C-alpha atoms as a PDB file:
ATOM      1  CA  MET A   1     -56.442  50.658  -2.678  1.00  0.00           C
ATOM      2  CA  LYS A   2     -52.930  49.754  -1.632  1.00  0.00           C
ATOM      3  CA  THR A   3     -54.264  47.817   1.314  1.00  0.00           C
ATOM      4  CA  GLN A   4     -56.626  45.790  -0.925  1.00  0.00           C
ATOM      5  CA  THR A   5     -53.736  45.060  -3.310  1.00  0.00           C
ATOM      6  CA  ALA A   6     -51.521  43.844  -0.481  1.00  0.00           C
ATOM      7  CA  MET A   7     -54.364  41.661   0.862  1.00  0.00           C
ATOM      8  CA  ARG A   8     -54.902  40.160  -2.554  1.00  0.00           C
ATOM      9  CA  ARG A   9     -51.232  39.289  -2.754  1.00  0.00           C
ATOM     10  CA  ASP A  10     -51.435  37.610   0.628  1.00  0.00           C
ATOM     11  CA  TYR A  11     -54.463  35.575  -0.454  1.00  0.00           C
ATOM     12  CA  ILE A  12     -52.705  34.502  -3.693  1.00  0.00           C
ATOM     13  CA  ALA A  13     -49.554  33.522  -1.742  1.00  0.00           C
ATOM     14  CA  THR A  14     -51.681  31.483   0.682  1.00  0.00           C
ATOM     15  CA  ALA A  15     -53.463  29.702  -2.159  1.00  0.00           C
ATOM     16  CA  ARG A  16     -50.130  28.957  -3.860  1.00  0.00           C
ATOM     17  CA  THR A  17     -48.695  27.577  -0.625  1.00  0.00           C
ATOM     18  CA  LEU A  18     -51.640  25.264  -0.148  1.00  0.00           C
ATOM     19  CA  SER A  19     -51.386  24.116  -3.799  1.00  0.00           C
ATOM     20  CA  GLU A  20     -47.641  23.403  -3.490  1.00  0.00           C
ATOM     21  CA  ALA A  21     -48.232  21.456  -0.273  1.00  0.00           C
ATOM     22  CA  LEU A  22     -50.454  18.866  -2.061  1.00  0.00           C
ATOM     23  CA  PRO A  23     -47.624  16.299  -2.752  1.00  0.00           C
ATOM     24  CA  TYR A  24     -46.599  16.447   0.925  1.00  0.00           C
ATOM     25  CA  LEU A  25     -50.167  16.174   2.139  1.00  0.00           C
ATOM     26  CA  GLN A  26     -50.581  13.032  -0.029  1.00  0.00           C
ATOM     27  CA  CYS A  27     -47.246  11.627   1.186  1.00  0.00           C
ATOM     28  CA  TYR A  28     -48.154  11.971   4.848  1.00  0.00           C
ATOM     29  CA  ASP A  29     -51.785  10.862   4.605  1.00  0.00           C
ATOM     30  CA  GLY A  30     -52.252   8.292   7.403  1.00  0.00           C
ATOM     31  CA  ALA A  31     -48.691   8.778   8.586  1.00  0.00           C
ATOM     32  CA  ILE A  32     -47.671   8.688  12.320  1.00  0.00           C
ATOM     33  CA  ILE A  33     -45.623  11.698  13.366  1.00  0.00           C
ATOM     34  CA  VAL A  34     -44.179  11.787  16.938  1.00  0.00           C
ATOM     35  CA  ILE A  35     -43.355  15.263  18.161  1.00  0.00           C
ATOM     36  CA  LYS A  36     -41.222  16.011  21.176  1.00  0.00           C
ATOM     37  CA  PHE A  37     -42.414  19.423  22.422  1.00  0.00           C
ATOM     38  CA  GLY A  38     -40.278  21.361  24.823  1.00  0.00           C
ATOM     39  CA  GLY A  39     -38.099  24.439  25.181  1.00  0.00           C
ATOM     40  CA  HIS A  40     -39.246  27.977  25.545  1.00  0.00           C
ATOM     41  CA  ALA A  41     -42.381  27.362  23.495  1.00  0.00           C
ATOM     42  CA  MET A  42     -43.947  25.638  26.480  1.00  0.00           C
ATOM     43  CA  GLY A  43     -43.857  28.792  28.513  1.00  0.00           C
ATOM     44  CA  ASP A  44     -45.133  31.246  25.921  1.00  0.00           C
ATOM     45  CA  LYS A  45     -48.928  31.308  25.405  1.00  0.00           C
ATOM     46  CA  ALA A  46     -48.813  32.568  21.834  1.00  0.00           C
ATOM     47  CA  THR A  47     -46.274  29.985  20.783  1.00  0.00           C
ATOM     48  CA  MET A  48     -48.144  27.240  22.599  1.00  0.00           C
ATOM     49  CA  ALA A  49     -51.367  28.228  20.746  1.00  0.00           C
ATOM     50  CA  SER A  50     -49.476  28.271  17.414  1.00  0.00           C
ATOM     51  CA  PHE A  51     -48.037  24.822  18.087  1.00  0.00           C
ATOM     52  CA  ALA A  52     -51.421  23.463  19.069  1.00  0.00           C
ATOM     53  CA  ARG A  53     -53.027  24.863  15.865  1.00  0.00           C
ATOM     54  CA  ASP A  54     -50.326  23.124  13.782  1.00  0.00           C
ATOM     55  CA  VAL A  55     -50.924  19.815  15.541  1.00  0.00           C
ATOM     56  CA  VAL A  56     -54.688  20.083  15.035  1.00  0.00           C
ATOM     57  CA  LEU A  57     -54.093  20.849  11.343  1.00  0.00           C
ATOM     58  CA  LEU A  58     -51.972  17.710  10.992  1.00  0.00           C
ATOM     59  CA  ARG A  59     -54.835  15.625  12.339  1.00  0.00           C
ATOM     60  CA  GLN A  60     -57.268  17.433  10.066  1.00  0.00           C
ATOM     61  CA  VAL A  61     -55.285  16.507   6.933  1.00  0.00           C
ATOM     62  CA  GLY A  62     -55.015  12.819   7.854  1.00  0.00           C
ATOM     63  CA  VAL A  63     -51.820  12.696   9.917  1.00  0.00           C
ATOM     64  CA  HIS A  64     -51.708  10.957  13.272  1.00  0.00           C
ATOM     65  CA  PRO A  65     -49.644  13.271  15.554  1.00  0.00           C
ATOM     66  CA  VAL A  66     -48.411  12.056  18.949  1.00  0.00           C
ATOM     67  CA  VAL A  67     -47.075  14.795  21.281  1.00  0.00           C
ATOM     68  CA  VAL A  68     -44.469  13.867  23.910  1.00  0.00           C
ATOM     69  CA  HIS A  69     -43.566  16.818  26.133  1.00  0.00           C
ATOM     70  CA  GLY A  70     -40.855  17.773  28.539  1.00  0.00           C
ATOM     71  CA  GLY A  71     -41.071  20.116  31.541  1.00  0.00           C
ATOM     72  CA  GLY A  72     -37.640  20.508  33.139  1.00  0.00           C
ATOM     73  CA  PRO A  73     -37.945  24.251  33.830  1.00  0.00           C
ATOM     74  CA  MET A  74     -41.335  23.845  35.426  1.00  0.00           C
ATOM     75  CA  ILE A  75     -40.099  21.026  37.595  1.00  0.00           C
ATOM     76  CA  ASN A  76     -37.133  23.135  38.749  1.00  0.00           C
ATOM     77  CA  GLU A  77     -39.481  25.998  39.556  1.00  0.00           C
ATOM     78  CA  MET A  78     -41.787  23.827  41.595  1.00  0.00           C
ATOM     79  CA  LEU A  79     -38.894  22.195  43.512  1.00  0.00           C
ATOM     80  CA  GLY A  80     -37.681  25.670  44.374  1.00  0.00           C
ATOM     81  CA  ARG A  81     -41.088  26.866  45.494  1.00  0.00           C
ATOM     82  CA  LEU A  82     -41.507  23.800  47.719  1.00  0.00           C
ATOM     83  CA  GLY A  83     -37.961  24.076  49.071  1.00  0.00           C
ATOM     84  CA  VAL A  84     -37.030  20.584  47.952  1.00  0.00           C
ATOM     85  CA  THR A  85     -33.307  20.093  47.346  1.00  0.00           C
ATOM     86  CA  SER A  86     -31.523  17.212  45.604  1.00  0.00           C
ATOM     87  CA  ASP A  87     -28.033  16.050  44.858  1.00  0.00           C
ATOM     88  CA  PHE A  88     -26.408  15.818  41.423  1.00  0.00           C
ATOM     89  CA  VAL A  89     -24.248  13.065  39.920  1.00  0.00           C
ATOM     90  CA  ASP A  90     -22.254  13.972  36.780  1.00  0.00           C
ATOM     91  CA  GLY A  91     -24.506  16.972  36.316  1.00  0.00           C
ATOM     92  CA  LYS A  92     -27.716  14.936  36.473  1.00  0.00           C
ATOM     93  CA  ARG A  93     -30.278  15.376  39.250  1.00  0.00           C
ATOM     94  CA  VAL A  94     -30.767  12.522  41.695  1.00  0.00           C
ATOM     95  CA  THR A  95     -34.508  11.800  41.698  1.00  0.00           C
ATOM     96  CA  ASP A  96     -35.490  10.389  45.111  1.00  0.00           C
ATOM     97  CA  ALA A  97     -38.979   9.531  46.333  1.00  0.00           C
ATOM     98  CA  ALA A  98     -39.773  13.138  47.307  1.00  0.00           C
ATOM     99  CA  VAL A  99     -38.572  14.529  43.918  1.00  0.00           C
ATOM    100  CA  ILE A 100     -40.353  11.953  41.744  1.00  0.00           C
ATOM    101  CA  GLU A 101     -43.660  12.821  43.450  1.00  0.00           C
ATOM    102  CA  ILE A 102     -43.244  16.470  42.449  1.00  0.00           C
ATOM    103  CA  VAL A 103     -42.074  15.472  38.957  1.00  0.00           C
ATOM    104  CA  GLU A 104     -45.190  13.422  38.354  1.00  0.00           C
ATOM    105  CA  MET A 105     -47.412  16.208  39.735  1.00  0.00           C
ATOM    106  CA  VAL A 106     -45.876  18.781  37.340  1.00  0.00           C
ATOM    107  CA  LEU A 107     -45.563  16.602  34.246  1.00  0.00           C
ATOM    108  CA  SER A 108     -48.879  14.709  34.381  1.00  0.00           C
ATOM    109  CA  GLY A 109     -50.763  17.540  35.960  1.00  0.00           C
ATOM    110  CA  THR A 110     -49.802  21.101  35.090  1.00  0.00           C
ATOM    111  CA  VAL A 111     -47.773  20.699  31.893  1.00  0.00           C
ATOM    112  CA  ASN A 112     -49.728  17.866  30.280  1.00  0.00           C
ATOM    113  CA  LYS A 113     -53.099  19.436  30.812  1.00  0.00           C
ATOM    114  CA  ARG A 114     -51.889  22.817  29.609  1.00  0.00           C
ATOM    115  CA  ILE A 115     -50.957  21.320  26.258  1.00  0.00           C
ATOM    116  CA  VAL A 116     -54.230  19.328  26.031  1.00  0.00           C
ATOM    117  CA  GLN A 117     -56.220  22.497  26.723  1.00  0.00           C
ATOM    118  CA  ALA A 118     -54.356  24.381  24.013  1.00  0.00           C
ATOM    119  CA  ILE A 119     -55.060  21.631  21.452  1.00  0.00           C
ATOM    120  CA  ASN A 120     -58.746  21.483  22.426  1.00  0.00           C
ATOM    121  CA  ALA A 121     -58.982  25.288  22.197  1.00  0.00           C
ATOM    122  CA  GLN A 122     -57.965  25.021  18.547  1.00  0.00           C
ATOM    123  CA  GLY A 123     -60.766  22.540  17.800  1.00  0.00           C
ATOM    124  CA  GLY A 124     -58.762  19.356  18.280  1.00  0.00           C
ATOM    125  CA  ARG A 125     -59.442  16.398  20.519  1.00  0.00           C
ATOM    126  CA  GLY A 126     -56.476  16.162  22.826  1.00  0.00           C
ATOM    127  CA  VAL A 127     -56.172  13.518  25.546  1.00  0.00           C
ATOM    128  CA  GLY A 128     -53.462  13.542  28.160  1.00  0.00           C
ATOM    129  CA  LEU A 129     -51.775  10.435  29.512  1.00  0.00           C
ATOM    130  CA  SER A 130     -48.344   9.301  30.729  1.00  0.00           C
ATOM    131  CA  GLY A 131     -46.164   6.322  30.008  1.00  0.00           C
ATOM    132  CA  LYS A 132     -47.670   4.711  33.083  1.00  0.00           C
ATOM    133  CA  ASP A 133     -51.057   4.407  31.477  1.00  0.00           C
ATOM    134  CA  ALA A 134     -52.062   1.125  29.752  1.00  0.00           C
ATOM    135  CA  HIS A 135     -48.507  -0.270  30.119  1.00  0.00           C
ATOM    136  CA  LEU A 136     -47.400   2.230  27.520  1.00  0.00           C
ATOM    137  CA  MET A 137     -43.836   2.552  28.758  1.00  0.00           C
ATOM    138  CA  VAL A 138     -42.146   0.083  31.152  1.00  0.00           C
ATOM    139  CA  CYS A 139     -38.821   1.287  32.520  1.00  0.00           C
ATOM    140  CA  ALA A 140     -35.713   0.146  34.359  1.00  0.00           C
ATOM    141  CA  PRO A 141     -33.384   2.418  36.307  1.00  0.00           C
ATOM    142  CA  ALA A 142     -31.140   4.341  33.881  1.00  0.00           C
ATOM    143  CA  ASP A 143     -28.424   4.635  36.578  1.00  0.00           C
ATOM    144  CA  PRO A 144     -28.874   3.323  40.101  1.00  0.00           C
ATOM    145  CA  ARG A 145     -27.110   6.418  41.420  1.00  0.00           C
ATOM    146  CA  LEU A 146     -29.850   8.670  40.031  1.00  0.00           C
ATOM    147  CA  GLY A 147     -32.781   7.036  41.796  1.00  0.00           C
ATOM    148  CA  PHE A 148     -36.055   7.139  39.883  1.00  0.00           C
ATOM    149  CA  VAL A 149     -34.639   8.170  36.501  1.00  0.00           C
ATOM    150  CA  GLY A 150     -35.760   5.548  33.991  1.00  0.00           C
ATOM    151  CA  GLU A 151     -34.809   4.084  30.631  1.00  0.00           C
ATOM    152  CA  PRO A 152     -37.674   2.537  28.555  1.00  0.00           C
ATOM    153  CA  VAL A 153     -37.268  -1.213  28.162  1.00  0.00           C
ATOM    154  CA  LYS A 154     -40.675  -1.990  26.748  1.00  0.00           C
ATOM    155  CA  VAL A 155     -43.215   0.181  24.917  1.00  0.00           C
ATOM    156  CA  THR A 156     -46.717  -1.082  24.187  1.00  0.00           C
ATOM    157  CA  PRO A 157     -48.476   1.525  21.981  1.00  0.00           C
ATOM    158  CA  ASP A 158     -51.902  -0.248  21.673  1.00  0.00           C
ATOM    159  CA  VAL A 159     -53.647   2.529  23.512  1.00  0.00           C
ATOM    160  CA  LEU A 160     -52.317   5.138  21.083  1.00  0.00           C
ATOM    161  CA  ARG A 161     -53.621   3.160  18.063  1.00  0.00           C
ATOM    162  CA  CYS A 162     -57.024   3.052  19.714  1.00  0.00           C
ATOM    163  CA  LEU A 163     -56.939   6.845  20.104  1.00  0.00           C
ATOM    164  CA  PHE A 164     -55.928   7.205  16.449  1.00  0.00           C
ATOM    165  CA  LYS A 165     -59.135   5.440  15.392  1.00  0.00           C
ATOM    166  CA  GLU A 166     -61.182   8.005  17.298  1.00  0.00           C
ATOM    167  CA  ASN A 167     -59.242  10.988  15.753  1.00  0.00           C
ATOM    168  CA  ILE A 168     -57.816  11.781  19.203  1.00  0.00           C
ATOM    169  CA  ILE A 169     -54.406  13.434  19.637  1.00  0.00           C
ATOM    170  CA  PRO A 170     -52.418  11.765  22.449  1.00  0.00           C
ATOM    171  CA  VAL A 171     -50.335  14.071  24.651  1.00  0.00           C
ATOM    172  CA  ILE A 172     -47.834  12.025  26.668  1.00  0.00           C
ATOM    173  CA  ALA A 173     -45.981  12.947  29.805  1.00  0.00           C
ATOM    174  CA  PRO A 174     -42.511  11.234  29.895  1.00  0.00           C
ATOM    175  CA  LEU A 175     -43.090   9.017  32.944  1.00  0.00           C
ATOM    176  CA  GLY A 176     -42.849   5.246  33.006  1.00  0.00           C
ATOM    177  CA  ALA A 177     -43.749   2.418  35.339  1.00  0.00           C
ATOM    178  CA  GLY A 178     -41.206  -0.004  36.817  1.00  0.00           C
ATOM    179  CA  CYS A 179     -41.704  -3.721  37.127  1.00  0.00           C
ATOM    180  CA  ASN A 180     -42.456  -3.286  40.812  1.00  0.00           C
ATOM    181  CA  GLY A 181     -44.860  -0.402  40.433  1.00  0.00           C
ATOM    182  CA  GLU A 182     -42.292   2.406  40.721  1.00  0.00           C
ATOM    183  CA  THR A 183     -42.667   5.673  38.862  1.00  0.00           C
ATOM    184  CA  PHE A 184     -39.697   6.698  36.702  1.00  0.00           C
ATOM    185  CA  ASN A 185     -38.912  10.068  35.181  1.00  0.00           C
ATOM    186  CA  VAL A 186     -37.706   9.660  31.584  1.00  0.00           C
ATOM    187  CA  ASN A 187     -35.846  12.183  29.441  1.00  0.00           C
ATOM    188  CA  GLY A 188     -38.397  13.637  27.028  1.00  0.00           C
ATOM    189  CA  ASP A 189     -36.286  13.057  23.894  1.00  0.00           C
ATOM    190  CA  THR A 190     -35.671   9.454  24.988  1.00  0.00           C
ATOM    191  CA  ALA A 191     -39.339   8.827  25.622  1.00  0.00           C
ATOM    192  CA  ALA A 192     -40.339  10.286  22.242  1.00  0.00           C
ATOM    193  CA  GLY A 193     -37.752   8.195  20.489  1.00  0.00           C
ATOM    194  CA  ALA A 194     -38.885   4.961  22.197  1.00  0.00           C
ATOM    195  CA  ILE A 195     -42.578   5.670  21.366  1.00  0.00           C
ATOM    196  CA  ALA A 196     -41.708   6.480  17.722  1.00  0.00           C
ATOM    197  CA  VAL A 197     -39.802   3.193  17.407  1.00  0.00           C
ATOM    198  CA  ALA A 198     -42.708   1.224  18.907  1.00  0.00           C
ATOM    199  CA  LEU A 199     -45.115   2.885  16.457  1.00  0.00           C
ATOM    200  CA  LYS A 200     -42.701   2.556  13.522  1.00  0.00           C
ATOM    201  CA  ALA A 201     -43.410   6.263  12.997  1.00  0.00           C
ATOM    202  CA  ASP A 202     -42.912   7.912   9.658  1.00  0.00           C
ATOM    203  CA  ARG A 203     -41.179  10.860  11.288  1.00  0.00           C
ATOM    204  CA  LEU A 204     -39.869  11.878  14.683  1.00  0.00           C
ATOM    205  CA  LEU A 205     -39.607  15.621  15.320  1.00  0.00           C
ATOM    206  CA  LEU A 206     -37.477  16.851  18.209  1.00  0.00           C
ATOM    207  CA  LEU A 207     -38.350  20.499  18.779  1.00  0.00           C
ATOM    208  CA  THR A 208     -35.587  22.429  20.472  1.00  0.00           C
ATOM    209  CA  ASP A 209     -34.308  25.929  21.087  1.00  0.00           C
ATOM    210  CA  VAL A 210     -31.437  25.809  18.560  1.00  0.00           C
ATOM    211  CA  ALA A 211     -31.502  26.037  14.778  1.00  0.00           C
ATOM    212  CA  GLY A 212     -30.374  22.387  14.369  1.00  0.00           C
ATOM    213  CA  VAL A 213     -27.091  20.402  14.208  1.00  0.00           C
ATOM    214  CA  LYS A 214     -24.209  22.763  13.320  1.00  0.00           C
ATOM    215  CA  ASP A 215     -20.906  21.939  11.596  1.00  0.00           C
ATOM    216  CA  ALA A 216     -17.512  23.134  12.733  1.00  0.00           C
ATOM    217  CA  LYS A 217     -18.115  26.584  11.168  1.00  0.00           C
ATOM    218  CA  GLY A 218     -21.330  27.024  13.079  1.00  0.00           C
ATOM    219  CA  GLN A 219     -23.558  26.487   9.979  1.00  0.00           C
ATOM    220  CA  VAL A 220     -26.679  24.384  10.278  1.00  0.00           C
ATOM    221  CA  VAL A 221     -26.429  21.023   8.492  1.00  0.00           C
ATOM    222  CA  THR A 222     -29.840  20.459   6.929  1.00  0.00           C
ATOM    223  CA  GLU A 223     -29.373  16.738   6.203  1.00  0.00           C
ATOM    224  CA  LEU A 224     -27.123  14.071   7.804  1.00  0.00           C
ATOM    225  CA  SER A 225     -26.620  10.362   7.518  1.00  0.00           C
ATOM    226  CA  ILE A 226     -26.108   8.210  10.615  1.00  0.00           C
ATOM    227  CA  ASP A 227     -22.436   7.824   9.723  1.00  0.00           C
ATOM    228  CA  LYS A 228     -22.078  11.618   9.520  1.00  0.00           C
ATOM    229  CA  VAL A 229     -23.667  12.069  12.937  1.00  0.00           C
ATOM    230  CA  ILE A 230     -21.297   9.477  14.450  1.00  0.00           C
ATOM    231  CA  ALA A 231     -18.256  11.127  12.860  1.00  0.00           C
ATOM    232  CA  MET A 232     -19.293  14.651  14.051  1.00  0.00           C
ATOM    233  CA  THR A 233     -19.808  13.293  17.569  1.00  0.00           C
ATOM    234  CA  LYS A 234     -16.398  11.625  17.645  1.00  0.00           C
ATOM    235  CA  ASN A 235     -14.561  14.739  16.491  1.00  0.00           C
ATOM    236  CA  GLY A 236     -16.435  16.943  19.010  1.00  0.00           C
ATOM    237  CA  THR A 237     -18.521  18.986  16.486  1.00  0.00           C
ATOM    238  CA  ILE A 238     -21.678  17.577  18.007  1.00  0.00           C
ATOM    239  CA  ALA A 239     -21.320  18.145  21.772  1.00  0.00           C
ATOM    240  CA  ASN A 240     -23.083  18.925  25.043  1.00  0.00           C
ATOM    241  CA  GLY A 241     -26.888  19.055  24.894  1.00  0.00           C
ATOM    242  CA  MET A 242     -27.065  18.114  21.245  1.00  0.00           C
ATOM    243  CA  ILE A 243     -25.597  14.677  21.873  1.00  0.00           C
ATOM    244  CA  PRO A 244     -28.676  13.130  23.564  1.00  0.00           C
ATOM    245  CA  LYS A 245     -30.845  14.441  20.725  1.00  0.00           C
ATOM    246  CA  THR A 246     -28.678  12.968  17.964  1.00  0.00           C
ATOM    247  CA  GLU A 247     -28.313   9.755  19.897  1.00  0.00           C
ATOM    248  CA  THR A 248     -32.130   9.522  20.077  1.00  0.00           C
ATOM    249  CA  ALA A 249     -32.337  10.306  16.341  1.00  0.00           C
ATOM    250  CA  VAL A 250     -29.803   7.628  15.358  1.00  0.00           C
ATOM    251  CA  HIS A 251     -31.442   5.024  17.584  1.00  0.00           C
ATOM    252  CA  ALA A 252     -34.874   5.745  16.156  1.00  0.00           C
ATOM    253  CA  VAL A 253     -33.754   5.657  12.524  1.00  0.00           C
ATOM    254  CA  ARG A 254     -31.852   2.429  13.071  1.00  0.00           C
ATOM    255  CA  ASN A 255     -34.924   0.858  14.567  1.00  0.00           C
ATOM    256  CA  GLY A 256     -37.655   1.533  12.047  1.00  0.00           C
ATOM    257  CA  VAL A 257     -38.418   5.243  12.077  1.00  0.00           C
ATOM    258  CA  ARG A 258     -38.151   6.586   8.542  1.00  0.00           C
ATOM    259  CA  ALA A 259     -36.423   9.818   9.514  1.00  0.00           C
ATOM    260  CA  CYS A 260     -35.842  12.142  12.483  1.00  0.00           C
ATOM    261  CA  THR A 261     -35.583  15.920  12.355  1.00  0.00           C
ATOM    262  CA  ILE A 262     -34.120  18.145  15.030  1.00  0.00           C
ATOM    263  CA  VAL A 263     -36.352  21.113  14.495  1.00  0.00           C
ATOM    264  CA  ASP A 264     -35.903  24.749  15.521  1.00  0.00           C
ATOM    265  CA  GLY A 265     -39.094  25.130  17.569  1.00  0.00           C
ATOM    266  CA  ARG A 266     -38.590  28.906  17.810  1.00  0.00           C
ATOM    267  CA  VAL A 267     -39.540  29.205  14.114  1.00  0.00           C
ATOM    268  CA  ALA A 268     -43.233  29.956  13.607  1.00  0.00           C
ATOM    269  CA  ASN A 269     -45.100  26.935  12.189  1.00  0.00           C
ATOM    270  CA  ALA A 270     -41.880  24.911  12.314  1.00  0.00           C
ATOM    271  CA  VAL A 271     -43.729  21.578  12.173  1.00  0.00           C
ATOM    272  CA  LEU A 272     -45.636  22.580   9.077  1.00  0.00           C
ATOM    273  CA  LEU A 273     -42.508  23.948   7.407  1.00  0.00           C
ATOM    274  CA  GLU A 274     -40.673  20.710   8.069  1.00  0.00           C
ATOM    275  CA  LEU A 275     -43.382  18.367   6.843  1.00  0.00           C
ATOM    276  CA  PHE A 276     -45.155  20.268   4.050  1.00  0.00           C
ATOM    277  CA  THR A 277     -42.512  22.440   2.321  1.00  0.00           C
ATOM    278  CA  ASP A 278     -39.114  22.101   0.676  1.00  0.00           C
ATOM    279  CA  HIS A 279     -37.683  24.611   3.106  1.00  0.00           C
ATOM    280  CA  GLY A 280     -37.602  22.587   6.347  1.00  0.00           C
ATOM    281  CA  ALA A 281     -36.795  23.944   9.740  1.00  0.00           C
ATOM    282  CA  GLY A 282     -33.862  22.022  11.162  1.00  0.00           C
ATOM    283  CA  SER A 283     -31.544  19.032  10.556  1.00  0.00           C
ATOM    284  CA  LEU A 284     -32.882  15.854   9.000  1.00  0.00           C
ATOM    285  CA  ILE A 285     -31.262  12.549   9.997  1.00  0.00           C
ATOM    286  CA  ARG A 286     -32.013   9.366   8.108  1.00  0.00           C
ATOM    287  CA  ALA A 287     -30.259   6.169   7.058  1.00  0.00           C
END
């Protein structure tokens, strides 16, 4: 009897949650949401399946999700297995011809197809591609000292709009093509930001392994303006690995993306919490 009562409470709570989500579902109907997927979630099967289910649900309720993924740990693992060594400049890996070949193999092959398979297993229609496909992302060298590390200079998202019309979920490896046919490795956050700007996305979600942007007391700041982000960076509150993420967020918001959220990807159903509830799951940055 107690078990039946508990189950009934769960069903009522689920129904209430769905009802309360209605205004958000209406708000995001037809919206484009670019999601940078990375961190520990990529290496955990259960978390990967949960993320894929959330993405499929977004498409089911009328949202157009675009997944841009990283893969740094997998690249490092493969380089180690193959015995390929590389130099570092200012803490950044020099990507020579041998390294970029492995980077492309891991990102476009193993990682990309793993995410596509997870989405398809949840009943979605995922298609994998990279920034090299259909002139999606043209790049220039980010720093000549780093070799084939690129910075997007032109993004042409026509292929993504075609996939939207067919209810297909694009899954994009952060690789770009140079003007002379080179392959460039692009930071995943940077790639996601550039694609979000080109699509004039309604929201850019950067999934990470931290709770969000924290203030000087270590508390998560749930909402920030661009000016606040700049001030916190200048005084050193925003530092280290959070700086590239906030820089991506500021650039995206300044260039047509409605808002960017740095989301705690360790939280179950973080994407749904951020979009369809008042609770949220990270730090929202908007103009």
